[in-house]
Protein backbone atom coordinates (compact mmCIF):
# COMPACT_ATOMS: atom_id res chain seq x y z
CA MET A 1 7.88 -35.89 -45.91
CA ARG A 2 8.99 -34.57 -42.54
CA LEU A 3 6.88 -35.71 -39.64
CA ALA A 4 6.38 -33.62 -36.85
CA LEU A 5 6.88 -34.54 -33.00
CA PRO A 6 3.83 -35.21 -30.89
CA ALA A 7 3.72 -31.87 -28.41
CA CYS A 8 4.82 -34.11 -25.76
CA LEU A 9 7.97 -35.36 -27.16
CA LEU A 10 8.53 -32.11 -28.91
CA VAL A 11 8.89 -30.50 -25.09
CA LEU A 12 11.30 -33.12 -24.23
CA ALA A 13 13.07 -33.28 -27.25
CA LEU A 14 13.96 -29.25 -27.40
CA ALA A 15 13.79 -28.15 -23.38
CA PRO A 16 15.87 -30.19 -21.39
CA ASN A 17 17.68 -27.22 -19.96
CA THR A 18 14.23 -25.44 -19.23
CA LEU A 19 13.41 -28.61 -17.24
CA ALA A 20 16.81 -28.19 -15.60
CA GLN A 21 16.50 -24.87 -14.50
CA THR A 22 12.79 -25.09 -13.38
CA ASP A 23 14.07 -27.86 -11.43
CA ALA A 24 16.87 -25.65 -10.01
CA ALA A 25 14.50 -22.69 -8.97
CA TYR A 26 12.24 -25.23 -7.30
CA ARG A 27 14.89 -26.46 -5.28
CA GLU A 28 16.13 -22.55 -4.23
CA ARG A 29 12.40 -21.85 -3.59
CA VAL A 30 12.26 -24.86 -0.93
CA ARG A 31 15.69 -23.58 0.37
CA PHE A 32 14.51 -20.32 0.66
CA ASP A 33 11.39 -21.09 2.20
CA ALA A 34 13.26 -23.59 4.96
CA CYS A 35 15.56 -20.80 5.78
CA LEU A 36 12.87 -18.10 6.34
CA GLY A 37 10.90 -20.99 8.60
CA GLN A 38 14.27 -21.39 10.27
CA VAL A 39 14.22 -17.86 11.27
CA GLN A 40 11.13 -18.45 13.55
CA LEU A 41 12.81 -21.36 15.16
CA ASN A 42 16.36 -20.49 15.75
CA PRO A 43 17.29 -16.97 14.13
CA SER A 44 21.03 -17.39 14.55
CA ASP A 45 21.26 -20.81 12.89
CA ALA A 46 18.88 -18.90 9.83
CA LEU A 47 21.61 -16.45 10.08
CA GLU A 48 24.48 -18.68 9.47
CA ARG A 49 22.59 -20.68 6.99
CA ALA A 50 21.65 -17.71 4.90
CA GLN A 51 25.22 -16.44 5.14
CA THR A 52 26.82 -20.13 3.65
CA TRP A 53 24.02 -19.81 1.23
CA ARG A 54 25.19 -16.01 0.24
CA LEU A 55 28.45 -17.44 -0.23
CA GLU A 56 27.74 -20.37 -2.48
CA GLY A 57 25.69 -17.88 -4.77
CA GLY A 58 22.69 -17.69 -3.12
CA GLY A 59 21.76 -14.25 -4.60
CA TRP A 60 19.20 -11.80 -3.03
CA PRO A 61 17.06 -14.89 -1.26
CA ALA A 62 20.14 -15.76 0.74
CA GLU A 63 20.37 -12.01 1.43
CA VAL A 64 16.50 -11.56 2.10
CA CYS A 65 16.69 -14.18 4.71
CA GLU A 66 20.13 -13.15 6.48
CA ALA A 67 18.06 -9.76 6.70
CA ARG A 68 15.12 -11.75 8.11
CA ALA A 69 17.50 -13.28 10.63
CA LEU A 70 19.23 -9.83 11.78
CA ILE A 71 15.83 -8.37 12.32
CA ALA A 72 14.60 -11.15 14.32
CA LEU A 73 18.24 -11.15 16.37
CA GLY A 74 17.98 -7.32 17.20
CA GLU A 75 19.19 -5.72 14.60
CA PRO A 76 16.57 -4.17 12.77
CA ALA A 77 18.20 -1.27 11.07
CA ILE A 78 20.79 -3.53 9.35
CA GLY A 79 18.43 -5.95 7.98
CA ALA A 80 16.11 -3.14 7.09
CA ASP A 81 19.15 -1.57 5.20
CA ILE A 82 19.98 -4.83 3.57
CA LEU A 83 16.50 -4.83 2.36
CA ALA A 84 15.86 -1.65 1.17
CA ASN A 85 19.43 -1.96 -0.77
CA LEU A 86 18.04 -5.32 -2.42
CA SER A 87 15.16 -3.47 -3.91
CA ASP A 88 17.12 -1.09 -5.92
CA GLY A 89 16.52 -3.00 -8.97
CA LEU A 90 19.85 -4.72 -9.51
CA ALA A 91 19.26 -8.18 -8.37
CA VAL A 92 18.66 -10.78 -10.72
CA GLY A 93 15.61 -12.34 -11.10
CA MET A 94 13.69 -9.92 -9.02
CA VAL A 95 10.35 -8.49 -10.03
CA ASP A 96 8.69 -5.04 -8.92
CA ALA A 97 6.02 -7.07 -6.62
CA GLU A 98 9.28 -8.64 -5.00
CA ARG A 99 10.96 -5.44 -4.82
CA ALA A 100 7.80 -3.75 -3.18
CA GLU A 101 7.51 -6.40 -0.63
CA LEU A 102 11.06 -6.00 0.41
CA LEU A 103 10.63 -2.32 0.85
CA THR A 104 7.30 -2.16 2.73
CA LEU A 105 9.31 -5.10 5.47
CA ALA A 106 12.10 -2.14 5.33
CA GLY A 107 9.30 0.41 6.01
CA ASP A 108 7.47 -1.78 8.68
CA THR A 109 11.08 -2.68 10.64
CA ARG A 110 12.12 1.11 10.38
CA PHE A 111 8.54 2.32 11.55
CA ALA A 112 8.44 0.20 14.61
CA GLN A 113 12.02 1.38 15.52
CA GLY A 114 10.70 4.98 15.59
CA MET A 115 12.66 5.65 12.46
CA ILE A 116 9.71 7.63 10.75
CA ASP A 117 11.27 9.30 7.93
CA ALA A 118 13.35 6.34 6.77
CA ALA A 119 9.97 4.42 7.05
CA ASP A 120 8.14 6.82 5.25
CA GLU A 121 10.78 6.77 2.20
CA ALA A 122 10.36 2.94 2.01
CA TYR A 123 6.77 3.03 1.75
CA ASP A 124 6.91 5.89 -0.81
CA ALA A 125 9.58 3.55 -3.21
CA ALA A 126 7.66 0.65 -2.39
CA LEU A 127 3.81 2.32 -3.68
CA ASP A 128 5.97 3.72 -6.54
CA LEU A 129 6.70 0.16 -7.83
CA GLN A 130 3.34 -1.09 -7.08
CA PRO A 131 0.66 1.36 -6.48
CA ASP A 132 -1.99 -0.97 -5.77
CA ALA A 133 -0.08 -3.02 -2.88
CA ILE A 134 -2.86 -2.54 -0.46
CA ALA A 135 -0.66 -3.77 2.76
CA THR A 136 1.87 -1.26 1.57
CA ARG A 137 -0.90 1.45 1.51
CA LEU A 138 -2.50 0.44 4.47
CA ALA A 139 1.41 0.48 6.84
CA ARG A 140 1.84 3.80 5.11
CA ALA A 141 -1.59 5.15 6.42
CA GLN A 142 -1.01 3.84 9.61
CA LEU A 143 2.36 5.78 9.92
CA ARG A 144 0.58 8.93 8.56
CA ALA A 145 -2.36 8.46 11.29
CA GLU A 146 0.18 8.11 14.14
CA THR A 147 2.14 11.04 12.96
CA GLN A 148 -1.11 13.49 12.45
CA ASP A 149 -0.20 14.07 8.70
CA TRP A 150 -3.73 14.44 8.01
CA ASP A 151 -3.32 15.30 4.07
CA GLY A 152 -1.17 12.42 4.02
CA LEU A 153 -3.73 10.43 5.63
CA ALA A 154 -6.81 11.63 3.32
CA GLU A 155 -4.97 10.74 0.38
CA ASP A 156 -4.06 6.98 1.73
CA ALA A 157 -7.48 6.48 2.75
CA ASP A 158 -9.13 7.84 -0.67
CA VAL A 159 -7.02 5.14 -2.37
CA LEU A 160 -8.00 2.54 -0.39
CA VAL A 161 -11.53 2.92 -0.18
CA GLU A 162 -11.30 3.08 -3.88
CA GLN A 163 -9.46 0.05 -4.26
CA ALA A 164 -10.75 -1.90 -1.41
CA PRO A 165 -14.01 -0.78 -0.24
CA TYR A 166 -14.60 -3.92 1.53
CA LEU A 167 -11.91 -3.21 4.23
CA ALA A 168 -12.75 -1.17 7.23
CA ALA A 169 -9.33 0.57 7.52
CA GLY A 170 -9.58 2.79 4.65
CA TRP A 171 -13.00 4.18 5.56
CA ARG A 172 -12.05 4.37 9.31
CA TYR A 173 -8.67 6.20 8.09
CA ARG A 174 -10.88 8.60 6.31
CA GLY A 175 -13.21 9.19 9.07
CA GLN A 176 -9.96 10.13 11.51
CA ALA A 177 -8.50 12.60 8.86
CA HIS A 178 -12.15 14.58 8.75
CA LEU A 179 -12.22 14.25 12.27
CA ALA A 180 -9.09 16.02 12.40
CA ARG A 181 -10.06 18.45 10.35
CA GLY A 182 -13.32 19.24 12.24
CA GLU A 183 -15.41 17.93 9.39
CA LEU A 184 -17.70 15.87 11.89
CA ASP A 185 -20.47 14.81 9.72
CA ALA A 186 -18.15 13.70 6.78
CA ALA A 187 -16.21 11.51 9.73
CA TRP A 188 -19.30 10.16 10.89
CA ALA A 189 -20.49 8.93 7.39
CA ALA A 190 -16.90 7.42 6.98
CA MET A 191 -16.87 5.92 10.42
CA GLU A 192 -20.41 4.38 9.60
CA ASN A 193 -19.22 2.87 6.36
CA ALA A 194 -16.21 1.31 8.60
CA ARG A 195 -18.69 -0.45 10.60
CA GLU A 196 -20.59 -1.78 8.14
CA GLN A 197 -17.69 -3.69 6.53
CA GLU A 198 -16.45 -4.99 10.54
CA PRO A 199 -19.36 -4.01 12.97
CA ASP A 200 -16.92 -4.86 15.76
CA ASP A 201 -13.72 -3.28 14.71
CA ILE A 202 -12.22 -1.90 17.62
CA PRO A 203 -10.68 1.03 16.04
CA SER A 204 -13.81 2.07 14.44
CA LEU A 205 -15.73 1.91 17.86
CA LEU A 206 -13.34 4.44 19.43
CA LEU A 207 -13.23 6.64 16.36
CA ARG A 208 -17.20 6.56 17.11
CA GLY A 209 -16.61 7.95 20.51
CA ALA A 210 -14.17 10.51 19.46
CA ILE A 211 -16.54 11.94 16.97
CA LEU A 212 -19.33 12.06 19.75
CA GLU A 213 -17.15 13.72 21.83
CA ALA A 214 -15.99 16.29 19.47
CA ARG A 215 -19.71 17.00 18.83
CA ARG A 216 -20.38 17.47 22.21
CA THR A 217 -17.43 19.94 22.50
CA ALA A 218 -18.62 21.82 19.24
CA THR A 219 -22.42 21.93 20.93
CA ASN A 220 -21.26 23.19 24.14
CA ASP A 221 -18.78 25.93 22.69
CA ASP A 222 -21.95 27.19 20.84
CA GLU A 223 -23.94 27.72 23.62
């Protein structure tokens, strides 16, 4: 009769390559984290390390670190382009959540540089991959608020309120969209919900003042 190996021995007997791969992946993760940490301390050194790592076959983690270093060194457009290109689905081993994160970072970088259309495109692509990515949704809502895209802002605000009602921002963006449309009662209700989540949230207090001013203006116009 054939005896079965105990489970622990079976793993060791059958999966030495898996264990080795896991160890290699851990070492690469440590190298990736160290490279990103170096970006904060010395981006020039981080860039050199990342480029060397890429030439050694570091793959997309090395390129991500290279892009982050370039952004830190004052080359945001180049860095953002690298991040966006990496998310095209061809990078080996990258999952959708990681692609969405890179696209969001690319969008943030472009937004900070005033590249509004390119930023919006990156956020759209990220949300196509991860519709429930709250950070990405918040970033796109901020862009839409600043560009006065009220219909788009209302859309993002509704999703935020549904997915993360505990965040003041979603309610506040909803109130801002209502205010822009002259829907003052709805704007006030949304603002009140925002303040319930974060009573001391400064943007919500500013929105409250804006709604009060709009109400005073409306009252004066009716007299």
